[in-house]
Amino acid sequence: MQIAKAIYLKELAVMKKILDLLAFKFDQRTNEFKYMKKQIMDYFYDTLNNKFRYLVNLKILKKCDCGTNVRKGYRKCKCGGSGFVNFKDI
């Protein structure tokens, strides 16, 4: 099990649900929706990066060789698009 991939995919699912809820309230073409979407995405991605950096410092995770980051989306890689993999195989 890849820890970063599991965290990443769960966080993306939560973010998508929040954005879907916003879409019920606001037209997606409005400035209000675009602003809130940007703020939510920035918050989620910054929080994920902070979590992953913390886990790297604890030697639980390490950077993936694929060179991706959390903002690029899902990838068919061990990291799943998170940019991080387990420090040691578990």
C-alpha atoms as a PDB file:
ATOM      1  CA  MET A   1       0.000   0.000   0.000  1.00  0.00           C
ATOM      2  CA  GLN A   2       1.331   3.411  -0.970  1.00  0.00           C
ATOM      3  CA  ILE A   3       0.571   5.814   1.881  1.00  0.00           C
ATOM      4  CA  ALA A   4       0.897   9.029  -0.142  1.00  0.00           C
ATOM      5  CA  LYS A   5      -1.304   7.665  -2.935  1.00  0.00           C
ATOM      6  CA  ALA A   6      -4.048   6.726  -0.462  1.00  0.00           C
ATOM      7  CA  ILE A   7      -3.936  10.146   1.229  1.00  0.00           C
ATOM      8  CA  TYR A   8      -3.805  11.948  -2.114  1.00  0.00           C
ATOM      9  CA  LEU A   9      -6.769  10.140  -3.657  1.00  0.00           C
ATOM     10  CA  LYS A  10      -8.893  10.603  -0.521  1.00  0.00           C
ATOM     11  CA  GLU A  11      -8.099  14.328  -0.346  1.00  0.00           C
ATOM     12  CA  LEU A  12      -8.902  14.744  -4.057  1.00  0.00           C
ATOM     13  CA  ALA A  13     -12.253  13.029  -3.561  1.00  0.00           C
ATOM     14  CA  VAL A  14     -13.097  15.347  -0.651  1.00  0.00           C
ATOM     15  CA  MET A  15     -12.064  18.414  -2.652  1.00  0.00           C
ATOM     16  CA  LYS A  16     -14.172  17.301  -5.610  1.00  0.00           C
ATOM     17  CA  LYS A  17     -17.232  16.818  -3.376  1.00  0.00           C
ATOM     18  CA  ILE A  18     -16.818  20.327  -1.960  1.00  0.00           C
ATOM     19  CA  LEU A  19     -16.491  21.793  -5.460  1.00  0.00           C
ATOM     20  CA  ASP A  20     -19.565  19.843  -6.575  1.00  0.00           C
ATOM     21  CA  LEU A  21     -21.530  21.314  -3.661  1.00  0.00           C
ATOM     22  CA  LEU A  22     -20.412  24.807  -4.648  1.00  0.00           C
ATOM     23  CA  ALA A  23     -21.564  24.146  -8.206  1.00  0.00           C
ATOM     24  CA  PHE A  24     -25.115  23.599  -6.887  1.00  0.00           C
ATOM     25  CA  LYS A  25     -25.101  27.076  -5.345  1.00  0.00           C
ATOM     26  CA  PHE A  26     -23.155  29.073  -7.945  1.00  0.00           C
ATOM     27  CA  ASP A  27     -22.955  29.070 -11.709  1.00  0.00           C
ATOM     28  CA  GLN A  28     -19.500  27.737 -12.572  1.00  0.00           C
ATOM     29  CA  ARG A  29     -18.926  30.670 -14.925  1.00  0.00           C
ATOM     30  CA  THR A  30     -19.303  33.298 -12.190  1.00  0.00           C
ATOM     31  CA  ASN A  31     -16.380  35.084 -10.622  1.00  0.00           C
ATOM     32  CA  GLU A  32     -17.598  33.977  -7.187  1.00  0.00           C
ATOM     33  CA  PHE A  33     -17.378  30.298  -8.104  1.00  0.00           C
ATOM     34  CA  LYS A  34     -13.988  30.706  -9.799  1.00  0.00           C
ATOM     35  CA  TYR A  35     -12.596  32.538  -6.776  1.00  0.00           C
ATOM     36  CA  MET A  36     -13.878  29.955  -4.279  1.00  0.00           C
ATOM     37  CA  LYS A  37     -12.661  27.085  -6.467  1.00  0.00           C
ATOM     38  CA  LYS A  38      -9.165  28.588  -6.615  1.00  0.00           C
ATOM     39  CA  GLN A  39      -9.088  29.151  -2.857  1.00  0.00           C
ATOM     40  CA  ILE A  40     -10.278  25.608  -2.090  1.00  0.00           C
ATOM     41  CA  MET A  41      -7.832  24.018  -4.521  1.00  0.00           C
ATOM     42  CA  ASP A  42      -4.919  26.111  -3.228  1.00  0.00           C
ATOM     43  CA  TYR A  43      -5.774  25.154   0.354  1.00  0.00           C
ATOM     44  CA  PHE A  44      -6.030  21.427  -0.401  1.00  0.00           C
ATOM     45  CA  TYR A  45      -2.832  21.303  -2.453  1.00  0.00           C
ATOM     46  CA  ASP A  46      -0.832  23.367   0.053  1.00  0.00           C
ATOM     47  CA  THR A  47      -2.084  21.194   2.910  1.00  0.00           C
ATOM     48  CA  LEU A  48      -1.183  18.020   1.018  1.00  0.00           C
ATOM     49  CA  ASN A  49       2.311  19.294   0.282  1.00  0.00           C
ATOM     50  CA  ASN A  50       2.794  20.161   3.952  1.00  0.00           C
ATOM     51  CA  LYS A  51       1.624  16.691   5.039  1.00  0.00           C
ATOM     52  CA  PHE A  52       3.905  14.987   2.547  1.00  0.00           C
ATOM     53  CA  ARG A  53       6.935  17.110   3.496  1.00  0.00           C
ATOM     54  CA  TYR A  54       6.324  16.250   7.146  1.00  0.00           C
ATOM     55  CA  LEU A  55       6.172  12.532   6.296  1.00  0.00           C
ATOM     56  CA  VAL A  56       9.381  12.875   4.253  1.00  0.00           C
ATOM     57  CA  ASN A  57      11.117  14.400   7.288  1.00  0.00           C
ATOM     58  CA  LEU A  58       9.963  11.400   9.338  1.00  0.00           C
ATOM     59  CA  LYS A  59      11.378   9.085   6.628  1.00  0.00           C
ATOM     60  CA  ILE A  60       7.963   7.595   5.936  1.00  0.00           C
ATOM     61  CA  LEU A  61       7.800   8.961   2.381  1.00  0.00           C
ATOM     62  CA  LYS A  62      10.289   9.961  -0.299  1.00  0.00           C
ATOM     63  CA  LYS A  63       9.967  11.774  -3.624  1.00  0.00           C
ATOM     64  CA  CYS A  64       8.823   9.585  -6.519  1.00  0.00           C
ATOM     65  CA  ASP A  65      11.112   9.172  -9.507  1.00  0.00           C
ATOM     66  CA  CYS A  66       8.329  10.229 -11.914  1.00  0.00           C
ATOM     67  CA  GLY A  67       8.806  13.903 -10.952  1.00  0.00           C
ATOM     68  CA  THR A  68       5.122  14.782 -10.664  1.00  0.00           C
ATOM     69  CA  ASN A  69       3.484  16.930  -8.016  1.00  0.00           C
ATOM     70  CA  VAL A  70       0.029  17.082  -6.420  1.00  0.00           C
ATOM     71  CA  ARG A  71      -1.275  19.752  -8.806  1.00  0.00           C
ATOM     72  CA  LYS A  72      -0.804  17.654 -11.936  1.00  0.00           C
ATOM     73  CA  GLY A  73      -3.574  15.166 -11.118  1.00  0.00           C
ATOM     74  CA  TYR A  74      -3.819  11.379 -11.094  1.00  0.00           C
ATOM     75  CA  ARG A  75      -1.096   9.379 -12.844  1.00  0.00           C
ATOM     76  CA  LYS A  76      -0.605   5.701 -13.522  1.00  0.00           C
ATOM     77  CA  CYS A  77       2.438   5.484 -11.320  1.00  0.00           C
ATOM     78  CA  LYS A  78       3.159   4.000  -7.913  1.00  0.00           C
ATOM     79  CA  CYS A  79       2.617   7.454  -6.422  1.00  0.00           C
ATOM     80  CA  GLY A  80      -0.772   7.892  -8.136  1.00  0.00           C
ATOM     81  CA  GLY A  81       0.089  11.503  -8.898  1.00  0.00           C
ATOM     82  CA  SER A  82       1.005  12.532  -5.371  1.00  0.00           C
ATOM     83  CA  GLY A  83       4.716  12.758  -6.215  1.00  0.00           C
ATOM     84  CA  PHE A  84       5.678  10.640  -3.202  1.00  0.00           C
ATOM     85  CA  VAL A  85       6.097   6.937  -2.432  1.00  0.00           C
ATOM     86  CA  ASN A  86       6.815   4.917   0.702  1.00  0.00           C
ATOM     87  CA  PHE A  87      10.347   5.353   2.035  1.00  0.00           C
ATOM     88  CA  LYS A  88      10.469   1.609   2.616  1.00  0.00           C
ATOM     89  CA  ASP A  89       8.342  -1.096   1.040  1.00  0.00           C
ATOM     90  CA  ILE A  90       5.638  -2.295   3.400  1.00  0.00           C
END
